[in-house]
Amino acid sequence: MARTIISPLYFPGVGNESRKMHPLVPITAEEHGVEILLAYATADNFTGKPVYAPAAGCWLHAEAAPLLRKAVALARPLGLSLRILDAFRPAEAQWALWNHTPDPEFLADPHRGSTHSRGVAVDLDLLDTASGQALDMGTAFDAFTPLSHHAVTGVSVEAQRNRLLLLGLMNAAGWDFYANEWWHYQMHAAARFPLLSDTVLGAERMMRE
């Protein structure tokens, strides 16, 4: 399928026509069978304050959404659910995070752009569906420490197993992983997708005023 790559940022107008043009689709708990807790819409993130607006929606590229559905379907027979902590992250948000903590080990340099800003990455953890409790992953989301890396042995055996379980589910669903963050998954060859500004969402923009 042909794809137009617009670089470095995709800035269509903000009217109804642009709403039809942009490649993002909304991800909802009801339609996709996930729990959504966008960390950057709250103060519970490494910046200590909300980056997104309180009512920010959860979005993914239309080509990434089917891979999320597949991961949900693979987790369901195991009594597990996926909880999304971040998905599409506007380029403006990537700059806000970078300006706070310019750590290239855990944050993509916004000059190059994040896979989140292309709409093809998701941060997530696992929940026990029956209890609604999060599985122990050894560190918190966005813990900027080597203990957040895949394949470390400095976390509990249970946490190592849970990370491998998430890794297996996501890989089987067609996602690639990032070695430094157990929570981050992205589409393969993600750089082929354009970086997206918050303006693509028109009236549904995610960023705070």
C-alpha atoms as a PDB file:
ATOM      1  CA  MET A   1       0.000   0.000   0.000  1.00  0.00           C
ATOM      2  CA  ALA A   2       1.412   3.385  -0.942  1.00  0.00           C
ATOM      3  CA  ARG A   3       2.176   5.748   1.913  1.00  0.00           C
ATOM      4  CA  THR A   4       3.062   9.426   1.793  1.00  0.00           C
ATOM      5  CA  ILE A   5       5.862  10.330   4.167  1.00  0.00           C
ATOM      6  CA  ILE A   6       5.814  13.941   5.303  1.00  0.00           C
ATOM      7  CA  SER A   7       8.907  15.019   7.203  1.00  0.00           C
ATOM      8  CA  PRO A   8       9.800  16.149   9.748  1.00  0.00           C
ATOM      9  CA  LEU A   9       6.270  16.764  11.052  1.00  0.00           C
ATOM     10  CA  TYR A  10       2.796  16.256   9.666  1.00  0.00           C
ATOM     11  CA  PHE A  11       0.813  19.499  10.160  1.00  0.00           C
ATOM     12  CA  PRO A  12      -2.509  19.380   8.300  1.00  0.00           C
ATOM     13  CA  GLY A  13      -5.226  21.933   9.001  1.00  0.00           C
ATOM     14  CA  VAL A  14      -7.461  21.462  11.982  1.00  0.00           C
ATOM     15  CA  GLY A  15     -10.870  21.325  10.259  1.00  0.00           C
ATOM     16  CA  ASN A  16     -13.072  18.351   9.445  1.00  0.00           C
ATOM     17  CA  GLU A  17     -11.066  17.487   6.356  1.00  0.00           C
ATOM     18  CA  SER A  18      -7.861  17.038   8.404  1.00  0.00           C
ATOM     19  CA  ARG A  19      -9.765  14.804  10.827  1.00  0.00           C
ATOM     20  CA  LYS A  20     -10.443  12.480   7.894  1.00  0.00           C
ATOM     21  CA  MET A  21      -6.843  12.673   6.692  1.00  0.00           C
ATOM     22  CA  HIS A  22      -4.865  11.812   9.771  1.00  0.00           C
ATOM     23  CA  PRO A  23      -3.827   8.185  10.264  1.00  0.00           C
ATOM     24  CA  LEU A  24      -4.734   7.843  13.946  1.00  0.00           C
ATOM     25  CA  VAL A  25      -7.650   5.864  15.361  1.00  0.00           C
ATOM     26  CA  PRO A  26      -9.072   6.159  18.890  1.00  0.00           C
ATOM     27  CA  ILE A  27      -8.331   3.340  21.319  1.00  0.00           C
ATOM     28  CA  THR A  28     -11.062   2.823  23.903  1.00  0.00           C
ATOM     29  CA  ALA A  29     -11.523   0.391  26.756  1.00  0.00           C
ATOM     30  CA  GLU A  30     -14.917  -0.701  25.453  1.00  0.00           C
ATOM     31  CA  GLU A  31     -13.940  -1.317  21.852  1.00  0.00           C
ATOM     32  CA  HIS A  32     -10.470  -2.761  22.373  1.00  0.00           C
ATOM     33  CA  GLY A  33     -10.816  -4.630  25.671  1.00  0.00           C
ATOM     34  CA  VAL A  34      -7.991  -2.782  27.404  1.00  0.00           C
ATOM     35  CA  GLU A  35      -7.638  -0.610  30.463  1.00  0.00           C
ATOM     36  CA  ILE A  36      -6.348   2.886  29.734  1.00  0.00           C
ATOM     37  CA  LEU A  37      -4.424   4.971  32.239  1.00  0.00           C
ATOM     38  CA  LEU A  38      -2.426   7.611  30.388  1.00  0.00           C
ATOM     39  CA  ALA A  39       0.358   8.510  32.792  1.00  0.00           C
ATOM     40  CA  TYR A  40       1.099  11.815  31.082  1.00  0.00           C
ATOM     41  CA  ALA A  41      -2.490  12.983  31.560  1.00  0.00           C
ATOM     42  CA  THR A  42      -1.837  12.848  35.315  1.00  0.00           C
ATOM     43  CA  ALA A  43       0.843  14.146  37.669  1.00  0.00           C
ATOM     44  CA  ASP A  44       1.972  10.556  38.284  1.00  0.00           C
ATOM     45  CA  ASN A  45       4.875  10.628  35.841  1.00  0.00           C
ATOM     46  CA  PHE A  46       8.537  11.579  35.978  1.00  0.00           C
ATOM     47  CA  THR A  47       7.844  15.261  35.276  1.00  0.00           C
ATOM     48  CA  GLY A  48       5.607  15.503  38.343  1.00  0.00           C
ATOM     49  CA  LYS A  49       2.835  17.263  36.432  1.00  0.00           C
ATOM     50  CA  PRO A  50       0.361  16.514  33.640  1.00  0.00           C
ATOM     51  CA  VAL A  51       1.677  16.853  30.103  1.00  0.00           C
ATOM     52  CA  TYR A  52      -1.579  15.994  28.321  1.00  0.00           C
ATOM     53  CA  ALA A  53      -4.965  17.586  28.894  1.00  0.00           C
ATOM     54  CA  PRO A  54      -7.126  15.780  31.496  1.00  0.00           C
ATOM     55  CA  ALA A  55      -9.498  14.476  28.827  1.00  0.00           C
ATOM     56  CA  ALA A  56      -6.774  13.437  26.369  1.00  0.00           C
ATOM     57  CA  GLY A  57      -7.781  10.442  24.326  1.00  0.00           C
ATOM     58  CA  CYS A  58      -5.721   7.353  23.555  1.00  0.00           C
ATOM     59  CA  TRP A  59      -4.714   7.024  19.906  1.00  0.00           C
ATOM     60  CA  LEU A  60      -2.690   4.689  17.697  1.00  0.00           C
ATOM     61  CA  HIS A  61      -1.857   4.602  14.023  1.00  0.00           C
ATOM     62  CA  ALA A  62      -4.468   2.672  12.050  1.00  0.00           C
ATOM     63  CA  GLU A  63      -1.819   0.092  11.138  1.00  0.00           C
ATOM     64  CA  ALA A  64      -0.852  -0.445  14.790  1.00  0.00           C
ATOM     65  CA  ALA A  65      -4.368  -0.888  16.161  1.00  0.00           C
ATOM     66  CA  PRO A  66      -4.837  -4.436  14.744  1.00  0.00           C
ATOM     67  CA  LEU A  67      -1.615  -5.529  16.442  1.00  0.00           C
ATOM     68  CA  LEU A  68      -3.005  -4.282  19.747  1.00  0.00           C
ATOM     69  CA  ARG A  69      -6.198  -6.278  19.193  1.00  0.00           C
ATOM     70  CA  LYS A  70      -4.118  -9.375  18.524  1.00  0.00           C
ATOM     71  CA  ALA A  71      -2.158  -8.929  21.765  1.00  0.00           C
ATOM     72  CA  VAL A  72      -5.417  -8.501  23.695  1.00  0.00           C
ATOM     73  CA  ALA A  73      -6.763 -11.703  22.154  1.00  0.00           C
ATOM     74  CA  LEU A  74      -3.607 -13.629  23.077  1.00  0.00           C
ATOM     75  CA  ALA A  75      -3.711 -12.382  26.682  1.00  0.00           C
ATOM     76  CA  ARG A  76      -7.395 -13.134  27.272  1.00  0.00           C
ATOM     77  CA  PRO A  77      -7.184 -16.970  27.552  1.00  0.00           C
ATOM     78  CA  LEU A  78      -4.425 -16.520  30.144  1.00  0.00           C
ATOM     79  CA  GLY A  79      -6.721 -14.463  32.361  1.00  0.00           C
ATOM     80  CA  LEU A  80      -4.708 -11.339  31.605  1.00  0.00           C
ATOM     81  CA  SER A  81      -5.529  -7.866  30.319  1.00  0.00           C
ATOM     82  CA  LEU A  82      -3.407  -5.079  28.899  1.00  0.00           C
ATOM     83  CA  ARG A  83      -3.253  -1.661  30.529  1.00  0.00           C
ATOM     84  CA  ILE A  84      -2.110   1.149  28.242  1.00  0.00           C
ATOM     85  CA  LEU A  85       0.071   3.770  29.909  1.00  0.00           C
ATOM     86  CA  ASP A  86       0.911   5.742  26.769  1.00  0.00           C
ATOM     87  CA  ALA A  87       0.322   5.398  23.047  1.00  0.00           C
ATOM     88  CA  PHE A  88       0.405   8.235  20.501  1.00  0.00           C
ATOM     89  CA  ARG A  89       2.479  11.013  22.005  1.00  0.00           C
ATOM     90  CA  PRO A  90       2.391  14.260  20.017  1.00  0.00           C
ATOM     91  CA  ALA A  91       5.753  15.658  18.976  1.00  0.00           C
ATOM     92  CA  GLU A  92       5.084  18.614  21.281  1.00  0.00           C
ATOM     93  CA  ALA A  93       4.816  16.225  24.229  1.00  0.00           C
ATOM     94  CA  GLN A  94       8.100  14.555  23.318  1.00  0.00           C
ATOM     95  CA  TRP A  95       9.773  17.954  23.481  1.00  0.00           C
ATOM     96  CA  ALA A  96       8.197  18.626  26.884  1.00  0.00           C
ATOM     97  CA  LEU A  97       9.532  15.335  28.258  1.00  0.00           C
ATOM     98  CA  TRP A  98      12.974  15.867  26.726  1.00  0.00           C
ATOM     99  CA  ASN A  99      13.246  19.402  28.060  1.00  0.00           C
ATOM    100  CA  HIS A 100      12.566  18.036  31.540  1.00  0.00           C
ATOM    101  CA  THR A 101      14.899  15.003  31.361  1.00  0.00           C
ATOM    102  CA  PRO A 102      17.115  14.801  28.255  1.00  0.00           C
ATOM    103  CA  ASP A 103      18.166  11.182  28.819  1.00  0.00           C
ATOM    104  CA  PRO A 104      18.692   9.389  25.476  1.00  0.00           C
ATOM    105  CA  GLU A 105      18.813   5.998  27.205  1.00  0.00           C
ATOM    106  CA  PHE A 106      15.112   6.267  27.997  1.00  0.00           C
ATOM    107  CA  LEU A 107      13.769   9.102  25.823  1.00  0.00           C
ATOM    108  CA  ALA A 108      14.055   9.515  22.084  1.00  0.00           C
ATOM    109  CA  ASP A 109      15.727  12.768  21.089  1.00  0.00           C
ATOM    110  CA  PRO A 110      12.854  14.834  19.646  1.00  0.00           C
ATOM    111  CA  HIS A 111      15.145  16.112  16.905  1.00  0.00           C
ATOM    112  CA  ARG A 112      14.923  12.556  15.510  1.00  0.00           C
ATOM    113  CA  GLY A 113      11.468  11.866  16.885  1.00  0.00           C
ATOM    114  CA  SER A 114       9.921   9.158  19.012  1.00  0.00           C
ATOM    115  CA  THR A 115       8.071   6.133  17.687  1.00  0.00           C
ATOM    116  CA  HIS A 116       5.266   7.306  19.980  1.00  0.00           C
ATOM    117  CA  SER A 117       5.072  10.499  17.932  1.00  0.00           C
ATOM    118  CA  ARG A 118       4.544   8.363  14.847  1.00  0.00           C
ATOM    119  CA  GLY A 119       1.573   6.670  16.516  1.00  0.00           C
ATOM    120  CA  VAL A 120       3.150   3.223  16.285  1.00  0.00           C
ATOM    121  CA  ALA A 121       4.351   2.634  19.860  1.00  0.00           C
ATOM    122  CA  VAL A 122       2.575   1.710  23.052  1.00  0.00           C
ATOM    123  CA  ASP A 123       3.656   1.599  26.697  1.00  0.00           C
ATOM    124  CA  LEU A 124       1.779  -0.949  28.745  1.00  0.00           C
ATOM    125  CA  ASP A 125       1.730  -3.463  31.555  1.00  0.00           C
ATOM    126  CA  LEU A 126      -0.314  -6.542  32.461  1.00  0.00           C
ATOM    127  CA  LEU A 127      -3.317  -6.898  34.741  1.00  0.00           C
ATOM    128  CA  ASP A 128      -4.846  -9.974  36.298  1.00  0.00           C
ATOM    129  CA  THR A 129      -8.294  -9.750  34.744  1.00  0.00           C
ATOM    130  CA  ALA A 130     -10.174 -11.330  37.651  1.00  0.00           C
ATOM    131  CA  SER A 131      -8.732  -9.088  40.355  1.00  0.00           C
ATOM    132  CA  GLY A 132      -7.817  -6.053  38.269  1.00  0.00           C
ATOM    133  CA  GLN A 133      -4.424  -6.006  39.961  1.00  0.00           C
ATOM    134  CA  ALA A 134      -1.280  -5.131  38.049  1.00  0.00           C
ATOM    135  CA  LEU A 135       1.338  -7.845  37.759  1.00  0.00           C
ATOM    136  CA  ASP A 136       4.694  -7.168  39.403  1.00  0.00           C
ATOM    137  CA  MET A 137       7.085  -5.953  36.716  1.00  0.00           C
ATOM    138  CA  GLY A 138       9.973  -5.141  39.029  1.00  0.00           C
ATOM    139  CA  THR A 139       9.984  -1.377  38.500  1.00  0.00           C
ATOM    140  CA  ALA A 140       7.413   1.311  37.944  1.00  0.00           C
ATOM    141  CA  PHE A 141       6.604   2.546  34.460  1.00  0.00           C
ATOM    142  CA  ASP A 142       9.166   5.125  33.324  1.00  0.00           C
ATOM    143  CA  ALA A 143      11.666   4.191  36.028  1.00  0.00           C
ATOM    144  CA  PHE A 144      14.875   5.546  34.508  1.00  0.00           C
ATOM    145  CA  THR A 145      17.145   2.846  35.882  1.00  0.00           C
ATOM    146  CA  PRO A 146      19.008  -0.144  34.447  1.00  0.00           C
ATOM    147  CA  LEU A 147      16.531  -2.323  36.358  1.00  0.00           C
ATOM    148  CA  SER A 148      13.959  -1.357  33.717  1.00  0.00           C
ATOM    149  CA  HIS A 149      15.983  -3.099  31.011  1.00  0.00           C
ATOM    150  CA  HIS A 150      14.890  -6.412  29.589  1.00  0.00           C
ATOM    151  CA  ALA A 151      16.793  -9.512  30.750  1.00  0.00           C
ATOM    152  CA  VAL A 152      18.063  -8.017  34.015  1.00  0.00           C
ATOM    153  CA  THR A 153      18.306 -10.303  37.039  1.00  0.00           C
ATOM    154  CA  GLY A 154      18.155  -7.590  39.688  1.00  0.00           C
ATOM    155  CA  VAL A 155      14.363  -7.820  39.952  1.00  0.00           C
ATOM    156  CA  SER A 156      12.397 -10.680  41.476  1.00  0.00           C
ATOM    157  CA  VAL A 157      11.946 -13.959  39.629  1.00  0.00           C
ATOM    158  CA  GLU A 158       8.218 -13.227  39.484  1.00  0.00           C
ATOM    159  CA  ALA A 159       8.872  -9.878  37.827  1.00  0.00           C
ATOM    160  CA  GLN A 160      11.264 -11.482  35.344  1.00  0.00           C
ATOM    161  CA  ARG A 161       8.578 -14.016  34.425  1.00  0.00           C
ATOM    162  CA  ASN A 162       5.952 -11.321  34.031  1.00  0.00           C
ATOM    163  CA  ARG A 163       8.211  -9.301  31.748  1.00  0.00           C
ATOM    164  CA  LEU A 164       8.864 -12.366  29.640  1.00  0.00           C
ATOM    165  CA  LEU A 165       5.139 -13.045  29.529  1.00  0.00           C
ATOM    166  CA  LEU A 166       4.445  -9.532  28.253  1.00  0.00           C
ATOM    167  CA  LEU A 167       7.333  -9.828  25.801  1.00  0.00           C
ATOM    168  CA  GLY A 168       5.995 -13.128  24.463  1.00  0.00           C
ATOM    169  CA  LEU A 169       2.475 -11.795  24.025  1.00  0.00           C
ATOM    170  CA  MET A 170       3.582  -8.650  22.260  1.00  0.00           C
ATOM    171  CA  ASN A 171       6.133 -10.372  20.022  1.00  0.00           C
ATOM    172  CA  ALA A 172       3.561 -12.996  19.046  1.00  0.00           C
ATOM    173  CA  ALA A 173       1.165 -10.185  18.141  1.00  0.00           C
ATOM    174  CA  GLY A 174       3.749  -8.655  15.810  1.00  0.00           C
ATOM    175  CA  TRP A 175       5.311  -5.941  17.979  1.00  0.00           C
ATOM    176  CA  ASP A 176       9.003  -5.138  18.356  1.00  0.00           C
ATOM    177  CA  PHE A 177      10.512  -4.316  21.768  1.00  0.00           C
ATOM    178  CA  TYR A 178      12.975  -1.764  23.133  1.00  0.00           C
ATOM    179  CA  ALA A 179      15.759  -3.316  25.211  1.00  0.00           C
ATOM    180  CA  ASN A 180      15.936  -0.520  27.801  1.00  0.00           C
ATOM    181  CA  GLU A 181      12.238  -0.421  28.719  1.00  0.00           C
ATOM    182  CA  TRP A 182      10.157  -3.476  29.610  1.00  0.00           C
ATOM    183  CA  TRP A 183       6.945  -1.484  28.991  1.00  0.00           C
ATOM    184  CA  HIS A 184       7.682  -0.145  25.490  1.00  0.00           C
ATOM    185  CA  TYR A 185       6.637  -1.884  22.256  1.00  0.00           C
ATOM    186  CA  GLN A 186       6.549  -0.542  18.725  1.00  0.00           C
ATOM    187  CA  MET A 187       5.867  -1.615  15.177  1.00  0.00           C
ATOM    188  CA  HIS A 188       8.765  -2.985  13.168  1.00  0.00           C
ATOM    189  CA  ALA A 189      10.448  -0.492  10.810  1.00  0.00           C
ATOM    190  CA  ALA A 190       8.689   2.300  12.688  1.00  0.00           C
ATOM    191  CA  ALA A 191      10.754   5.050  11.059  1.00  0.00           C
ATOM    192  CA  ARG A 192       8.783   4.643   7.835  1.00  0.00           C
ATOM    193  CA  PHE A 193       5.831   6.411   9.471  1.00  0.00           C
ATOM    194  CA  PRO A 194       5.747  10.235   9.674  1.00  0.00           C
ATOM    195  CA  LEU A 195       6.084  12.179  12.896  1.00  0.00           C
ATOM    196  CA  LEU A 196       2.786  13.735  13.935  1.00  0.00           C
ATOM    197  CA  SER A 197       1.984  17.005  15.632  1.00  0.00           C
ATOM    198  CA  ASP A 198      -0.871  17.474  18.086  1.00  0.00           C
ATOM    199  CA  THR A 199      -2.614  19.524  15.401  1.00  0.00           C
ATOM    200  CA  VAL A 200      -3.561  16.349  13.508  1.00  0.00           C
ATOM    201  CA  LEU A 201      -6.271  15.715  16.104  1.00  0.00           C
ATOM    202  CA  GLY A 202      -8.058  19.001  15.501  1.00  0.00           C
ATOM    203  CA  ALA A 203     -10.603  19.627  18.255  1.00  0.00           C
ATOM    204  CA  GLU A 204      -9.526  16.407  19.966  1.00  0.00           C
ATOM    205  CA  ARG A 205      -5.992  17.630  20.658  1.00  0.00           C
ATOM    206  CA  MET A 206      -4.175  16.008  23.563  1.00  0.00           C
ATOM    207  CA  MET A 207      -1.911  18.806  24.771  1.00  0.00           C
ATOM    208  CA  ARG A 208      -2.784  21.194  27.576  1.00  0.00           C
ATOM    209  CA  GLU A 209      -3.641  24.765  26.633  1.00  0.00           C
END
